[in-house]
PDB file of all heavy atoms in Angstrom:
ATOM      1  N   GLU A   1      -6.153  -3.551  -7.944  1.00  0.00           N
ATOM      2  CA  GLU A   1      -5.186  -2.723  -8.666  1.00  0.00           C
ATOM      3  C   GLU A   1      -5.777  -2.260 -10.004  1.00  0.00           C
ATOM      4  O   GLU A   1      -6.497  -3.002 -10.666  1.00  0.00           O
ATOM      5  CB  GLU A   1      -3.901  -3.517  -8.911  1.00  0.00           C
ATOM      6  CG  GLU A   1      -2.765  -2.679  -9.480  1.00  0.00           C
ATOM      7  CD  GLU A   1      -1.481  -3.464  -9.662  1.00  0.00           C
ATOM      8  OE1 GLU A   1      -1.531  -4.716  -9.526  1.00  0.00           O
ATOM      9  OE2 GLU A   1      -0.434  -2.849  -9.934  1.00  0.00           O
ATOM     10  N   TYR A   2      -5.476  -1.032 -10.362  1.00  0.00           N
ATOM     11  CA  TYR A   2      -5.873  -0.395 -11.615  1.00  0.00           C
ATOM     12  C   TYR A   2      -7.315   0.109 -11.640  1.00  0.00           C
ATOM     13  O   TYR A   2      -7.741   0.704 -12.630  1.00  0.00           O
ATOM     14  CB  TYR A   2      -5.667  -1.331 -12.821  1.00  0.00           C
ATOM     15  CG  TYR A   2      -4.243  -1.777 -12.987  1.00  0.00           C
ATOM     16  CD1 TYR A   2      -3.916  -3.132 -12.941  1.00  0.00           C
ATOM     17  CD2 TYR A   2      -3.210  -0.866 -13.182  1.00  0.00           C
ATOM     18  CE1 TYR A   2      -2.606  -3.570 -13.089  1.00  0.00           C
ATOM     19  CE2 TYR A   2      -1.883  -1.273 -13.324  1.00  0.00           C
ATOM     20  CZ  TYR A   2      -1.590  -2.629 -13.277  1.00  0.00           C
ATOM     21  OH  TYR A   2      -0.304  -3.042 -13.420  1.00  0.00           O
ATOM     22  N   VAL A   3      -8.086  -0.129 -10.574  1.00  0.00           N
ATOM     23  CA  VAL A   3      -9.446   0.413 -10.528  1.00  0.00           C
ATOM     24  C   VAL A   3      -9.389   1.851 -10.021  1.00  0.00           C
ATOM     25  O   VAL A   3      -8.911   2.108  -8.911  1.00  0.00           O
ATOM     26  CB  VAL A   3     -10.364  -0.430  -9.629  1.00  0.00           C
ATOM     27  CG1 VAL A   3     -11.735   0.221  -9.519  1.00  0.00           C
ATOM     28  CG2 VAL A   3     -10.494  -1.845 -10.196  1.00  0.00           C
ATOM     29  N   LEU A   4      -9.854   2.778 -10.825  1.00  0.00           N
ATOM     30  CA  LEU A   4      -9.802   4.193 -10.464  1.00  0.00           C
ATOM     31  C   LEU A   4     -11.082   4.679  -9.811  1.00  0.00           C
ATOM     32  O   LEU A   4     -11.057   5.604  -8.990  1.00  0.00           O
ATOM     33  CB  LEU A   4      -9.532   5.048 -11.719  1.00  0.00           C
ATOM     34  CG  LEU A   4      -8.246   4.745 -12.494  1.00  0.00           C
ATOM     35  CD1 LEU A   4      -8.167   5.634 -13.732  1.00  0.00           C
ATOM     36  CD2 LEU A   4      -7.029   4.947 -11.611  1.00  0.00           C
ATOM     37  N   GLN A   5     -12.208   4.045 -10.176  1.00  0.00           N
ATOM     38  CA  GLN A   5     -13.476   4.602  -9.715  1.00  0.00           C
ATOM     39  C   GLN A   5     -14.585   3.563  -9.854  1.00  0.00           C
ATOM     40  O   GLN A   5     -14.552   2.693 -10.726  1.00  0.00           O
ATOM     41  CB  GLN A   5     -13.807   5.834 -10.579  1.00  0.00           C
ATOM     42  CG  GLN A   5     -14.943   6.701 -10.087  1.00  0.00           C
ATOM     43  CD  GLN A   5     -15.185   7.850 -11.054  1.00  0.00           C
ATOM     44  OE1 GLN A   5     -16.059   7.771 -11.918  1.00  0.00           O
ATOM     45  NE2 GLN A   5     -14.406   8.917 -10.937  1.00  0.00           N
ATOM     46  N   MET A   6     -15.569   3.669  -8.954  1.00  0.00           N
ATOM     47  CA  MET A   6     -16.792   2.876  -9.051  1.00  0.00           C
ATOM     48  C   MET A   6     -17.964   3.817  -8.794  1.00  0.00           C
ATOM     49  O   MET A   6     -17.935   4.613  -7.859  1.00  0.00           O
ATOM     50  CB  MET A   6     -16.789   1.744  -8.013  1.00  0.00           C
ATOM     51  CG  MET A   6     -18.129   1.031  -7.878  1.00  0.00           C
ATOM     52  SD  MET A   6     -18.102  -0.258  -6.607  1.00  0.00           S
ATOM     53  CE  MET A   6     -19.859  -0.379  -6.227  1.00  0.00           C
ATOM     54  N   HIS A   7     -18.990   3.758  -9.628  1.00  0.00           N
ATOM     55  CA  HIS A   7     -20.120   4.664  -9.453  1.00  0.00           C
ATOM     56  C   HIS A   7     -21.389   4.067 -10.083  1.00  0.00           C
ATOM     57  O   HIS A   7     -21.342   3.052 -10.772  1.00  0.00           O
ATOM     58  CB  HIS A   7     -19.815   6.032 -10.080  1.00  0.00           C
ATOM     59  CG  HIS A   7     -19.501   5.968 -11.542  1.00  0.00           C
ATOM     60  ND1 HIS A   7     -18.214   5.997 -12.024  1.00  0.00           N
ATOM     61  CD2 HIS A   7     -20.297   5.870 -12.638  1.00  0.00           C
ATOM     62  CE1 HIS A   7     -18.215   5.924 -13.342  1.00  0.00           C
ATOM     63  NE2 HIS A   7     -19.475   5.835 -13.739  1.00  0.00           N
ATOM     64  N   GLY A   8     -22.501   4.757  -9.828  1.00  0.00           N
ATOM     65  CA  GLY A   8     -23.780   4.346 -10.416  1.00  0.00           C
ATOM     66  C   GLY A   8     -24.317   3.037  -9.847  1.00  0.00           C
ATOM     67  O   GLY A   8     -25.035   2.301 -10.541  1.00  0.00           O
ATOM     68  N   PHE A   9     -24.023   2.753  -8.580  1.00  0.00           N
ATOM     69  CA  PHE A   9     -24.461   1.482  -7.984  1.00  0.00           C
ATOM     70  C   PHE A   9     -25.955   1.505  -7.681  1.00  0.00           C
ATOM     71  O   PHE A   9     -26.481   2.471  -7.127  1.00  0.00           O
ATOM     72  CB  PHE A   9     -23.693   1.212  -6.692  1.00  0.00           C
ATOM     73  CG  PHE A   9     -24.048  -0.105  -6.049  1.00  0.00           C
ATOM     74  CD1 PHE A   9     -23.280  -1.226  -6.296  1.00  0.00           C
ATOM     75  CD2 PHE A   9     -25.148  -0.221  -5.204  1.00  0.00           C
ATOM     76  CE1 PHE A   9     -23.600  -2.449  -5.707  1.00  0.00           C
ATOM     77  CE2 PHE A   9     -25.481  -1.424  -4.613  1.00  0.00           C
ATOM     78  CZ  PHE A   9     -24.702  -2.555  -4.874  1.00  0.00           C
ATOM     79  N   TYR A  10     -26.626   0.406  -8.059  1.00  0.00           N
ATOM     80  CA  TYR A  10     -28.033   0.235  -7.663  1.00  0.00           C
ATOM     81  C   TYR A  10     -28.346  -1.249  -7.544  1.00  0.00           C
ATOM     82  O   TYR A  10     -28.011  -2.036  -8.441  1.00  0.00           O
ATOM     83  CB  TYR A  10     -28.975   0.872  -8.675  1.00  0.00           C
ATOM     84  CG  TYR A  10     -30.402   0.957  -8.156  1.00  0.00           C
ATOM     85  CD1 TYR A  10     -30.778   1.970  -7.281  1.00  0.00           C
ATOM     86  CD2 TYR A  10     -31.349   0.000  -8.501  1.00  0.00           C
ATOM     87  CE1 TYR A  10     -32.062   2.047  -6.776  1.00  0.00           C
ATOM     88  CE2 TYR A  10     -32.635   0.054  -8.005  1.00  0.00           C
ATOM     89  CZ  TYR A  10     -32.988   1.084  -7.140  1.00  0.00           C
ATOM     90  OH  TYR A  10     -34.265   1.157  -6.626  1.00  0.00           O
ATOM     91  N   LEU A  11     -28.982  -1.612  -6.425  1.00  0.00           N
ATOM     92  CA  LEU A  11     -29.404  -2.981  -6.195  1.00  0.00           C
ATOM     93  C   LEU A  11     -30.914  -3.058  -6.348  1.00  0.00           C
ATOM     94  O   LEU A  11     -31.649  -2.364  -5.636  1.00  0.00           O
ATOM     95  CB  LEU A  11     -28.968  -3.450  -4.807  1.00  0.00           C
ATOM     96  CG  LEU A  11     -29.198  -4.931  -4.489  1.00  0.00           C
ATOM     97  CD1 LEU A  11     -28.127  -5.453  -3.536  1.00  0.00           C
ATOM     98  CD2 LEU A  11     -30.581  -5.152  -3.862  1.00  0.00           C
ATOM     99  N   ASP A  12     -31.357  -3.888  -7.294  1.00  0.00           N
ATOM    100  CA  ASP A  12     -32.790  -4.045  -7.579  1.00  0.00           C
ATOM    101  C   ASP A  12     -33.236  -5.417  -7.087  1.00  0.00           C
ATOM    102  O   ASP A  12     -32.895  -6.444  -7.675  1.00  0.00           O
ATOM    103  CB  ASP A  12     -33.033  -3.913  -9.087  1.00  0.00           C
ATOM    104  CG  ASP A  12     -34.517  -3.809  -9.421  1.00  0.00           C
ATOM    105  OD1 ASP A  12     -35.332  -4.428  -8.709  1.00  0.00           O
ATOM    106  OD2 ASP A  12     -34.839  -3.108 -10.395  1.00  0.00           O
ATOM    107  N   LYS A  13     -33.996  -5.437  -5.964  1.00  0.00           N
ATOM    108  CA  LYS A  13     -34.412  -6.708  -5.373  1.00  0.00           C
ATOM    109  C   LYS A  13     -35.520  -7.377  -6.174  1.00  0.00           C
ATOM    110  O   LYS A  13     -35.665  -8.603  -6.120  1.00  0.00           O
ATOM    111  CB  LYS A  13     -34.866  -6.487  -3.933  1.00  0.00           C
ATOM    112  CG  LYS A  13     -33.701  -6.202  -2.985  1.00  0.00           C
ATOM    113  CD  LYS A  13     -34.153  -6.155  -1.536  1.00  0.00           C
ATOM    114  CE  LYS A  13     -32.956  -6.008  -0.604  1.00  0.00           C
ATOM    115  NZ  LYS A  13     -33.365  -5.948   0.828  1.00  0.00           N
ATOM    116  N   GLU A  14     -36.314  -6.599  -6.882  1.00  0.00           N
ATOM    117  CA  GLU A  14     -37.381  -7.204  -7.691  1.00  0.00           C
ATOM    118  C   GLU A  14     -36.792  -8.019  -8.836  1.00  0.00           C
ATOM    119  O   GLU A  14     -37.241  -9.124  -9.131  1.00  0.00           O
ATOM    120  CB  GLU A  14     -38.304  -6.112  -8.246  1.00  0.00           C
ATOM    121  CG  GLU A  14     -39.183  -5.455  -7.192  1.00  0.00           C
ATOM    122  CD  GLU A  14     -40.183  -4.492  -7.821  1.00  0.00           C
ATOM    123  OE1 GLU A  14     -40.250  -4.447  -9.064  1.00  0.00           O
ATOM    124  OE2 GLU A  14     -40.899  -3.815  -7.062  1.00  0.00           O
ATOM    125  N   GLU A  15     -35.762  -7.457  -9.502  1.00  0.00           N
ATOM    126  CA  GLU A  15     -35.129  -8.158 -10.614  1.00  0.00           C
ATOM    127  C   GLU A  15     -33.916  -8.961 -10.157  1.00  0.00           C
ATOM    128  O   GLU A  15     -33.283  -9.644 -10.973  1.00  0.00           O
ATOM    129  CB  GLU A  15     -34.702  -7.157 -11.691  1.00  0.00           C
ATOM    130  CG  GLU A  15     -35.876  -6.431 -12.336  1.00  0.00           C
ATOM    131  CD  GLU A  15     -35.434  -5.562 -13.503  1.00  0.00           C
ATOM    132  OE1 GLU A  15     -34.217  -5.528 -13.800  1.00  0.00           O
ATOM    133  OE2 GLU A  15     -36.301  -4.929 -14.126  1.00  0.00           O
ATOM    134  N   MET A  16     -33.604  -8.846  -8.853  1.00  0.00           N
ATOM    135  CA  MET A  16     -32.436  -9.520  -8.285  1.00  0.00           C
ATOM    136  C   MET A  16     -31.178  -9.215  -9.103  1.00  0.00           C
ATOM    137  O   MET A  16     -30.451 -10.106  -9.571  1.00  0.00           O
ATOM    138  CB  MET A  16     -32.667 -11.034  -8.210  1.00  0.00           C
ATOM    139  CG  MET A  16     -33.766 -11.442  -7.253  1.00  0.00           C
ATOM    140  SD  MET A  16     -33.379 -10.921  -5.538  1.00  0.00           S
ATOM    141  CE  MET A  16     -32.022 -12.013  -5.146  1.00  0.00           C
ATOM    142  N   SER A  17     -30.923  -7.933  -9.248  1.00  0.00           N
ATOM    143  CA  SER A  17     -29.768  -7.507 -10.050  1.00  0.00           C
ATOM    144  C   SER A  17     -28.967  -6.439  -9.305  1.00  0.00           C
ATOM    145  O   SER A  17     -29.507  -5.696  -8.482  1.00  0.00           O
ATOM    146  CB  SER A  17     -30.218  -6.961 -11.406  1.00  0.00           C
ATOM    147  OG  SER A  17     -30.959  -5.758 -11.250  1.00  0.00           O
ATOM    148  N   ILE A  18     -27.698  -6.399  -9.625  1.00  0.00           N
ATOM    149  CA  ILE A  18     -26.793  -5.358  -9.130  1.00  0.00           C
ATOM    150  C   ILE A  18     -26.144  -4.712 -10.353  1.00  0.00           C
ATOM    151  O   ILE A  18     -25.595  -5.404 -11.215  1.00  0.00           O
ATOM    152  CB  ILE A  18     -25.694  -5.941  -8.216  1.00  0.00           C
ATOM    153  CG1 ILE A  18     -26.297  -6.481  -6.922  1.00  0.00           C
ATOM    154  CG2 ILE A  18     -24.630  -4.883  -7.913  1.00  0.00           C
ATOM    155  CD1 ILE A  18     -25.283  -7.191  -6.034  1.00  0.00           C
ATOM    156  N   ARG A  19     -26.225  -3.389 -10.414  1.00  0.00           N
ATOM    157  CA  ARG A  19     -25.612  -2.707 -11.560  1.00  0.00           C
ATOM    158  C   ARG A  19     -24.752  -1.532 -11.078  1.00  0.00           C
ATOM    159  O   ARG A  19     -25.101  -0.833 -10.147  1.00  0.00           O
ATOM    160  CB  ARG A  19     -26.686  -2.216 -12.536  1.00  0.00           C
ATOM    161  CG  ARG A  19     -27.705  -1.235 -11.952  1.00  0.00           C
ATOM    162  CD  ARG A  19     -28.707  -0.822 -13.023  1.00  0.00           C
ATOM    163  NE  ARG A  19     -29.633   0.200 -12.554  1.00  0.00           N
ATOM    164  CZ  ARG A  19     -30.862  -0.055 -12.095  1.00  0.00           C
ATOM    165  NH1 ARG A  19     -31.294  -1.321 -12.029  1.00  0.00           N
ATOM    166  NH2 ARG A  19     -31.646   0.933 -11.702  1.00  0.00           N
ATOM    167  N   PHE A  20     -23.626  -1.363 -11.745  1.00  0.00           N
ATOM    168  CA  PHE A  20     -22.743  -0.225 -11.476  1.00  0.00           C
ATOM    169  C   PHE A  20     -21.676  -0.159 -12.565  1.00  0.00           C
ATOM    170  O   PHE A  20     -21.525  -1.092 -13.379  1.00  0.00           O
ATOM    171  CB  PHE A  20     -22.093  -0.332 -10.081  1.00  0.00           C
ATOM    172  CG  PHE A  20     -21.238  -1.543  -9.885  1.00  0.00           C
ATOM    173  CD1 PHE A  20     -19.881  -1.533 -10.220  1.00  0.00           C
ATOM    174  CD2 PHE A  20     -21.772  -2.710  -9.353  1.00  0.00           C
ATOM    175  CE1 PHE A  20     -19.092  -2.648 -10.023  1.00  0.00           C
ATOM    176  CE2 PHE A  20     -20.983  -3.835  -9.150  1.00  0.00           C
ATOM    177  CZ  PHE A  20     -19.635  -3.799  -9.494  1.00  0.00           C
ATOM    178  N   ASP A  21     -20.928   0.934 -12.586  1.00  0.00           N
ATOM    179  CA  ASP A  21     -19.846   1.136 -13.557  1.00  0.00           C
ATOM    180  C   ASP A  21     -18.508   1.176 -12.820  1.00  0.00           C
ATOM    181  O   ASP A  21     -18.437   1.639 -11.675  1.00  0.00           O
ATOM    182  CB  ASP A  21     -20.011   2.456 -14.320  1.00  0.00           C
ATOM    183  CG  ASP A  21     -21.265   2.478 -15.184  1.00  0.00           C
ATOM    184  OD1 ASP A  21     -21.926   1.426 -15.301  1.00  0.00           O
ATOM    185  OD2 ASP A  21     -21.583   3.551 -15.729  1.00  0.00           O
ATOM    186  N   ILE A  22     -17.454   0.717 -13.473  1.00  0.00           N
ATOM    187  CA  ILE A  22     -16.111   0.853 -12.928  1.00  0.00           C
ATOM    188  C   ILE A  22     -15.203   1.488 -13.988  1.00  0.00           C
ATOM    189  O   ILE A  22     -15.389   1.288 -15.185  1.00  0.00           O
ATOM    190  CB  ILE A  22     -15.514  -0.499 -12.475  1.00  0.00           C
ATOM    191  CG1 ILE A  22     -15.487  -1.495 -13.633  1.00  0.00           C
ATOM    192  CG2 ILE A  22     -16.249  -1.045 -11.284  1.00  0.00           C
ATOM    193  CD1 ILE A  22     -14.737  -2.772 -13.324  1.00  0.00           C
ATOM    194  N   VAL A  23     -14.248   2.269 -13.513  1.00  0.00           N
ATOM    195  CA  VAL A  23     -13.254   2.889 -14.399  1.00  0.00           C
ATOM    196  C   VAL A  23     -11.925   2.196 -14.138  1.00  0.00           C
ATOM    197  O   VAL A  23     -11.411   2.215 -13.029  1.00  0.00           O
ATOM    198  CB  VAL A  23     -13.126   4.405 -14.138  1.00  0.00           C
ATOM    199  CG1 VAL A  23     -12.047   5.002 -15.049  1.00  0.00           C
ATOM    200  CG2 VAL A  23     -14.466   5.103 -14.369  1.00  0.00           C
ATOM    201  N   ILE A  24     -11.376   1.569 -15.173  1.00  0.00           N
ATOM    202  CA  ILE A  24     -10.120   0.841 -15.070  1.00  0.00           C
ATOM    203  C   ILE A  24      -9.035   1.609 -15.809  1.00  0.00           C
ATOM    204  O   ILE A  24      -9.224   2.043 -16.944  1.00  0.00           O
ATOM    205  CB  ILE A  24     -10.253  -0.583 -15.643  1.00  0.00           C
ATOM    206  CG1 ILE A  24     -11.324  -1.366 -14.872  1.00  0.00           C
ATOM    207  CG2 ILE A  24      -8.917  -1.326 -15.591  1.00  0.00           C
ATOM    208  CD1 ILE A  24     -11.612  -2.735 -15.446  1.00  0.00           C
ATOM    209  N   SER A  25      -7.901   1.767 -15.160  1.00  0.00           N
ATOM    210  CA  SER A  25      -6.798   2.534 -15.730  1.00  0.00           C
ATOM    211  C   SER A  25      -6.266   1.895 -17.009  1.00  0.00           C
ATOM    212  O   SER A  25      -6.224   0.678 -17.157  1.00  0.00           O
ATOM    213  CB  SER A  25      -5.661   2.642 -14.704  1.00  0.00           C
ATOM    214  OG  SER A  25      -4.510   3.197 -15.300  1.00  0.00           O
ATOM    215  N   PHE A  26      -5.833   2.745 -17.946  1.00  0.00           N
ATOM    216  CA  PHE A  26      -5.198   2.258 -19.164  1.00  0.00           C
ATOM    217  C   PHE A  26      -3.803   1.706 -18.886  1.00  0.00           C
ATOM    218  O   PHE A  26      -3.172   1.119 -19.765  1.00  0.00           O
ATOM    219  CB  PHE A  26      -5.121   3.378 -20.203  1.00  0.00           C
ATOM    220  CG  PHE A  26      -6.449   3.698 -20.834  1.00  0.00           C
ATOM    221  CD1 PHE A  26      -7.139   4.852 -20.499  1.00  0.00           C
ATOM    222  CD2 PHE A  26      -7.008   2.837 -21.759  1.00  0.00           C
ATOM    223  CE1 PHE A  26      -8.362   5.148 -21.078  1.00  0.00           C
ATOM    224  CE2 PHE A  26      -8.237   3.113 -22.349  1.00  0.00           C
ATOM    225  CZ  PHE A  26      -8.920   4.272 -22.006  1.00  0.00           C
ATOM    226  N   ASP A  27      -3.319   1.885 -17.653  1.00  0.00           N
ATOM    227  CA  ASP A  27      -2.024   1.320 -17.276  1.00  0.00           C
ATOM    228  C   ASP A  27      -2.094  -0.202 -17.169  1.00  0.00           C
ATOM    229  O   ASP A  27      -1.064  -0.883 -17.223  1.00  0.00           O
ATOM    230  CB  ASP A  27      -1.549   1.902 -15.941  1.00  0.00           C
ATOM    231  CG  ASP A  27      -1.090   3.343 -16.072  1.00  0.00           C
ATOM    232  OD1 ASP A  27      -0.837   3.773 -17.213  1.00  0.00           O
ATOM    233  OD2 ASP A  27      -1.003   4.032 -15.047  1.00  0.00           O
ATOM    234  N   ALA A  28      -3.296  -0.734 -16.989  1.00  0.00           N
ATOM    235  CA  ALA A  28      -3.458  -2.183 -16.894  1.00  0.00           C
ATOM    236  C   ALA A  28      -3.093  -2.832 -18.231  1.00  0.00           C
ATOM    237  O   ALA A  28      -3.520  -2.369 -19.289  1.00  0.00           O
ATOM    238  CB  ALA A  28      -4.885  -2.535 -16.504  1.00  0.00           C
ATOM    239  N   LYS A  29      -2.308  -3.901 -18.178  1.00  0.00           N
ATOM    240  CA  LYS A  29      -1.904  -4.587 -19.415  1.00  0.00           C
ATOM    241  C   LYS A  29      -3.118  -5.162 -20.134  1.00  0.00           C
ATOM    242  O   LYS A  29      -3.181  -5.180 -21.365  1.00  0.00           O
ATOM    243  CB  LYS A  29      -0.898  -5.686 -19.095  1.00  0.00           C
ATOM    244  CG  LYS A  29       0.453  -5.178 -18.614  1.00  0.00           C
ATOM    245  CD  LYS A  29       1.422  -6.333 -18.376  1.00  0.00           C
ATOM    246  CE  LYS A  29       2.777  -5.816 -17.925  1.00  0.00           C
ATOM    247  NZ  LYS A  29       3.744  -6.919 -17.684  1.00  0.00           N
ATOM    248  N   ASP A  30      -4.082  -5.647 -19.358  1.00  0.00           N
ATOM    249  CA  ASP A  30      -5.293  -6.227 -19.931  1.00  0.00           C
ATOM    250  C   ASP A  30      -6.486  -5.755 -19.100  1.00  0.00           C
ATOM    251  O   ASP A  30      -6.792  -6.334 -18.060  1.00  0.00           O
ATOM    252  CB  ASP A  30      -5.198  -7.757 -19.932  1.00  0.00           C
ATOM    253  CG  ASP A  30      -6.345  -8.421 -20.699  1.00  0.00           C
ATOM    254  OD1 ASP A  30      -7.363  -7.737 -20.950  1.00  0.00           O
ATOM    255  OD2 ASP A  30      -6.212  -9.606 -21.035  1.00  0.00           O
ATOM    256  N   ARG A  31      -7.139  -4.693 -19.563  1.00  0.00           N
ATOM    257  CA  ARG A  31      -8.282  -4.154 -18.812  1.00  0.00           C
ATOM    258  C   ARG A  31      -9.406  -5.172 -18.740  1.00  0.00           C
ATOM    259  O   ARG A  31     -10.141  -5.244 -17.757  1.00  0.00           O
ATOM    260  CB  ARG A  31      -8.760  -2.856 -19.467  1.00  0.00           C
ATOM    261  CG  ARG A  31      -7.719  -1.749 -19.469  1.00  0.00           C
ATOM    262  CD  ARG A  31      -8.207  -0.548 -20.267  1.00  0.00           C
ATOM    263  NE  ARG A  31      -9.213   0.199 -19.550  1.00  0.00           N
ATOM    264  CZ  ARG A  31     -10.216   0.854 -20.137  1.00  0.00           C
ATOM    265  NH1 ARG A  31     -10.355   0.816 -21.453  1.00  0.00           N
ATOM    266  NH2 ARG A  31     -11.078   1.535 -19.423  1.00  0.00           N
ATOM    267  N   GLY A  32      -9.547  -5.959 -19.802  1.00  0.00           N
ATOM    268  CA  GLY A  32     -10.592  -6.982 -19.812  1.00  0.00           C
ATOM    269  C   GLY A  32     -10.380  -8.026 -18.736  1.00  0.00           C
ATOM    270  O   GLY A  32     -11.344  -8.497 -18.116  1.00  0.00           O
ATOM    271  N   ALA A  33      -9.112  -8.372 -18.501  1.00  0.00           N
ATOM    272  CA  ALA A  33      -8.802  -9.369 -17.468  1.00  0.00           C
ATOM    273  C   ALA A  33      -9.119  -8.822 -16.084  1.00  0.00           C
ATOM    274  O   ALA A  33      -9.633  -9.551 -15.217  1.00  0.00           O
ATOM    275  CB  ALA A  33      -7.329  -9.770 -17.564  1.00  0.00           C
ATOM    276  N   VAL A  34      -8.821  -7.545 -15.859  1.00  0.00           N
ATOM    277  CA  VAL A  34      -9.136  -6.909 -14.575  1.00  0.00           C
ATOM    278  C   VAL A  34     -10.647  -6.899 -14.360  1.00  0.00           C
ATOM    279  O   VAL A  34     -11.155  -7.219 -13.277  1.00  0.00           O
ATOM    280  CB  VAL A  34      -8.581  -5.467 -14.525  1.00  0.00           C
ATOM    281  CG1 VAL A  34      -9.008  -4.770 -13.236  1.00  0.00           C
ATOM    282  CG2 VAL A  34      -7.063  -5.466 -14.647  1.00  0.00           C
ATOM    283  N   TYR A  35     -11.365  -6.550 -15.433  1.00  0.00           N
ATOM    284  CA  TYR A  35     -12.837  -6.520 -15.376  1.00  0.00           C
ATOM    285  C   TYR A  35     -13.392  -7.906 -15.022  1.00  0.00           C
ATOM    286  O   TYR A  35     -14.249  -8.038 -14.143  1.00  0.00           O
ATOM    287  CB  TYR A  35     -13.382  -6.055 -16.732  1.00  0.00           C
ATOM    288  CG  TYR A  35     -14.878  -6.188 -16.881  1.00  0.00           C
ATOM    289  CD1 TYR A  35     -15.730  -5.149 -16.537  1.00  0.00           C
ATOM    290  CD2 TYR A  35     -15.451  -7.365 -17.364  1.00  0.00           C
ATOM    291  CE1 TYR A  35     -17.107  -5.277 -16.664  1.00  0.00           C
ATOM    292  CE2 TYR A  35     -16.818  -7.514 -17.499  1.00  0.00           C
ATOM    293  CZ  TYR A  35     -17.644  -6.465 -17.146  1.00  0.00           C
ATOM    294  OH  TYR A  35     -19.003  -6.581 -17.278  1.00  0.00           O
ATOM    295  N   GLN A  36     -12.892  -8.928 -15.680  1.00  0.00           N
ATOM    296  CA  GLN A  36     -13.411 -10.282 -15.457  1.00  0.00           C
ATOM    297  C   GLN A  36     -13.114 -10.768 -14.050  1.00  0.00           C
ATOM    298  O   GLN A  36     -13.955 -11.437 -13.428  1.00  0.00           O
ATOM    299  CB  GLN A  36     -12.811 -11.245 -16.486  1.00  0.00           C
ATOM    300  CG  GLN A  36     -13.477 -12.607 -16.512  1.00  0.00           C
ATOM    301  CD  GLN A  36     -14.959 -12.518 -16.817  1.00  0.00           C
ATOM    302  OE1 GLN A  36     -15.374 -11.881 -17.777  1.00  0.00           O
ATOM    303  NE2 GLN A  36     -15.777 -13.161 -15.966  1.00  0.00           N
ATOM    304  N   ALA A  37     -11.944 -10.417 -13.537  1.00  0.00           N
ATOM    305  CA  ALA A  37     -11.583 -10.825 -12.179  1.00  0.00           C
ATOM    306  C   ALA A  37     -12.535 -10.217 -11.151  1.00  0.00           C
ATOM    307  O   ALA A  37     -12.952 -10.889 -10.195  1.00  0.00           O
ATOM    308  CB  ALA A  37     -10.143 -10.421 -11.879  1.00  0.00           C
TER     309      ALA A  37
END
């Protein structure tokens, strides 16, 4: 809930990392809590 978009995904096996961006709606009471979950 409250996630509007996900983009910029890239998986780097050499560094063993996953990176991407998410857009969380301002309707969320606590955007930080949604992000952490």
